[in-house]
Amino acid sequence: MAKKKGNRNLIGMECSETGKRSYVTQKNRINTEKKLELKKYNPKLRKHTVHKEFQRLK
């Protein structure tokens, strides 16, 4: 029997300053309908920057 599709989706995170896509995280598609914006560390700039959701991976 096939499994049901879960509530969580894999999404990629893209830096708003450099455009580099360096993080992958999960998002609950029922509770969080808006796009995520998280502060993450950017190793190229060596500081924390805002990363935005860019697409669903699976």
N, C-alpha and C. Protein backbone atom coordinates (compact mmCIF):
# COMPACT_ATOMS: atom_id res chain seq x y z
N MET A 1 0.84 -1.17 0.00
CA MET A 1 0.00 0.00 0.00
C MET A 1 0.89 1.24 0.00
N ALA A 2 0.53 2.22 -0.78
CA ALA A 2 1.33 3.44 -0.90
C ALA A 2 1.17 4.32 0.33
N LYS A 3 2.26 5.00 0.66
CA LYS A 3 2.21 5.93 1.79
C LYS A 3 1.50 7.21 1.37
N LYS A 4 0.88 7.86 2.35
CA LYS A 4 0.29 9.17 2.09
C LYS A 4 1.39 10.20 2.00
N LYS A 5 1.15 11.23 1.23
CA LYS A 5 2.12 12.32 1.15
C LYS A 5 2.06 13.10 2.45
N GLY A 6 3.21 13.34 3.06
CA GLY A 6 3.26 14.04 4.33
C GLY A 6 2.97 15.52 4.19
N ASN A 7 2.95 16.20 5.33
CA ASN A 7 2.67 17.63 5.35
C ASN A 7 3.91 18.47 5.12
N ARG A 8 5.10 17.86 5.12
CA ARG A 8 6.33 18.64 5.03
C ARG A 8 6.94 18.53 3.63
N ASN A 9 7.43 19.67 3.14
CA ASN A 9 8.09 19.73 1.84
C ASN A 9 9.52 20.19 2.01
N LEU A 10 10.42 19.67 1.17
CA LEU A 10 11.79 20.17 1.13
C LEU A 10 11.82 21.44 0.29
N ILE A 11 12.48 22.48 0.80
CA ILE A 11 12.61 23.72 0.05
C ILE A 11 14.05 24.19 0.09
N GLY A 12 14.45 24.93 -0.92
CA GLY A 12 15.78 25.51 -0.98
C GLY A 12 15.75 26.95 -0.49
N MET A 13 16.86 27.42 0.08
CA MET A 13 16.97 28.79 0.57
C MET A 13 18.04 29.51 -0.25
N GLU A 14 17.73 30.74 -0.69
CA GLU A 14 18.62 31.53 -1.52
C GLU A 14 18.96 32.82 -0.80
N CYS A 15 20.25 33.19 -0.79
CA CYS A 15 20.70 34.43 -0.15
C CYS A 15 20.16 35.62 -0.93
N SER A 16 19.62 36.62 -0.21
CA SER A 16 19.06 37.79 -0.88
C SER A 16 20.14 38.75 -1.37
N GLU A 17 21.36 38.66 -0.82
CA GLU A 17 22.43 39.57 -1.22
C GLU A 17 23.27 39.02 -2.38
N THR A 18 23.64 37.75 -2.32
CA THR A 18 24.50 37.18 -3.37
C THR A 18 23.74 36.32 -4.37
N GLY A 19 22.57 35.82 -4.00
CA GLY A 19 21.81 34.94 -4.90
C GLY A 19 22.26 33.50 -4.86
N LYS A 20 23.21 33.17 -3.98
CA LYS A 20 23.72 31.81 -3.86
C LYS A 20 22.71 30.95 -3.10
N ARG A 21 22.50 29.74 -3.59
CA ARG A 21 21.56 28.81 -2.96
C ARG A 21 22.34 27.79 -2.15
N SER A 22 22.37 27.96 -0.84
CA SER A 22 23.27 27.14 -0.03
C SER A 22 22.60 26.36 1.09
N TYR A 23 21.31 26.52 1.30
CA TYR A 23 20.65 25.81 2.39
C TYR A 23 19.42 25.08 1.88
N VAL A 24 19.13 23.94 2.51
CA VAL A 24 17.92 23.17 2.25
C VAL A 24 17.26 22.93 3.59
N THR A 25 15.94 23.14 3.67
CA THR A 25 15.21 22.94 4.91
C THR A 25 13.84 22.37 4.58
N GLN A 26 13.04 22.12 5.61
CA GLN A 26 11.70 21.60 5.43
C GLN A 26 10.68 22.64 5.88
N LYS A 27 9.50 22.58 5.26
CA LYS A 27 8.43 23.51 5.60
C LYS A 27 7.13 22.74 5.65
N ASN A 28 6.31 23.00 6.67
CA ASN A 28 5.00 22.39 6.76
C ASN A 28 4.07 23.14 5.81
N ARG A 29 3.54 22.44 4.81
CA ARG A 29 2.76 23.12 3.78
C ARG A 29 1.38 23.53 4.25
N ILE A 30 0.88 22.97 5.34
CA ILE A 30 -0.44 23.33 5.85
C ILE A 30 -0.37 24.55 6.77
N ASN A 31 0.58 24.56 7.70
CA ASN A 31 0.68 25.65 8.67
C ASN A 31 1.36 26.89 8.12
N THR A 32 2.28 26.74 7.19
CA THR A 32 3.07 27.86 6.67
C THR A 32 2.80 28.00 5.18
N GLU A 33 1.91 28.91 4.82
CA GLU A 33 1.57 29.08 3.41
C GLU A 33 2.42 30.15 2.74
N LYS A 34 2.94 31.10 3.53
CA LYS A 34 3.77 32.16 2.97
C LYS A 34 5.19 31.64 2.74
N LYS A 35 5.96 32.38 1.94
CA LYS A 35 7.35 32.00 1.70
C LYS A 35 8.19 32.32 2.93
N LEU A 36 9.14 31.43 3.23
CA LEU A 36 10.00 31.60 4.39
C LEU A 36 11.09 32.63 4.13
N GLU A 37 11.43 33.39 5.19
CA GLU A 37 12.59 34.28 5.18
C GLU A 37 13.32 34.05 6.50
N LEU A 38 14.52 33.51 6.43
CA LEU A 38 15.30 33.20 7.62
C LEU A 38 16.66 33.85 7.55
N LYS A 39 17.21 34.23 8.71
CA LYS A 39 18.57 34.73 8.76
C LYS A 39 19.51 33.54 8.89
N LYS A 40 20.37 33.36 7.91
CA LYS A 40 21.33 32.26 7.89
C LYS A 40 22.72 32.82 7.63
N TYR A 41 23.73 32.03 7.98
CA TYR A 41 25.12 32.45 7.78
C TYR A 41 25.52 32.24 6.33
N ASN A 42 26.13 33.27 5.74
CA ASN A 42 26.66 33.18 4.38
C ASN A 42 28.18 33.11 4.48
N PRO A 43 28.79 31.95 4.18
CA PRO A 43 30.23 31.81 4.34
C PRO A 43 31.04 32.67 3.37
N LYS A 44 30.48 33.00 2.22
CA LYS A 44 31.21 33.83 1.26
C LYS A 44 31.36 35.26 1.78
N LEU A 45 30.28 35.80 2.37
CA LEU A 45 30.32 37.16 2.93
C LEU A 45 30.81 37.19 4.37
N ARG A 46 30.85 36.02 5.00
CA ARG A 46 31.23 35.86 6.40
C ARG A 46 30.35 36.69 7.35
N LYS A 47 29.04 36.65 7.10
CA LYS A 47 28.08 37.31 7.99
C LYS A 47 26.71 36.68 7.79
N HIS A 48 25.79 37.01 8.71
CA HIS A 48 24.42 36.51 8.61
C HIS A 48 23.63 37.40 7.65
N THR A 49 22.90 36.77 6.74
CA THR A 49 22.07 37.50 5.77
C THR A 49 20.69 36.85 5.72
N VAL A 50 19.75 37.53 5.09
CA VAL A 50 18.40 37.01 4.93
C VAL A 50 18.39 36.04 3.75
N HIS A 51 17.88 34.84 3.99
CA HIS A 51 17.72 33.83 2.94
C HIS A 51 16.23 33.63 2.72
N LYS A 52 15.82 33.58 1.45
CA LYS A 52 14.41 33.43 1.10
C LYS A 52 14.19 32.09 0.40
N GLU A 53 12.99 31.57 0.56
CA GLU A 53 12.60 30.33 -0.09
C GLU A 53 12.55 30.54 -1.60
N PHE A 54 13.12 29.60 -2.38
CA PHE A 54 13.09 29.78 -3.83
C PHE A 54 12.33 28.70 -4.57
N GLN A 55 12.25 27.47 -4.07
CA GLN A 55 11.45 26.45 -4.75
C GLN A 55 11.31 25.22 -3.87
N ARG A 56 10.35 24.39 -4.23
CA ARG A 56 10.20 23.10 -3.58
C ARG A 56 11.08 22.10 -4.30
N LEU A 57 11.77 21.28 -3.55
CA LEU A 57 12.69 20.33 -4.16
C LEU A 57 12.03 18.99 -4.45
N LYS A 58 11.08 18.56 -3.64
CA LYS A 58 10.38 17.29 -3.87
C LYS A 58 8.93 17.44 -3.58
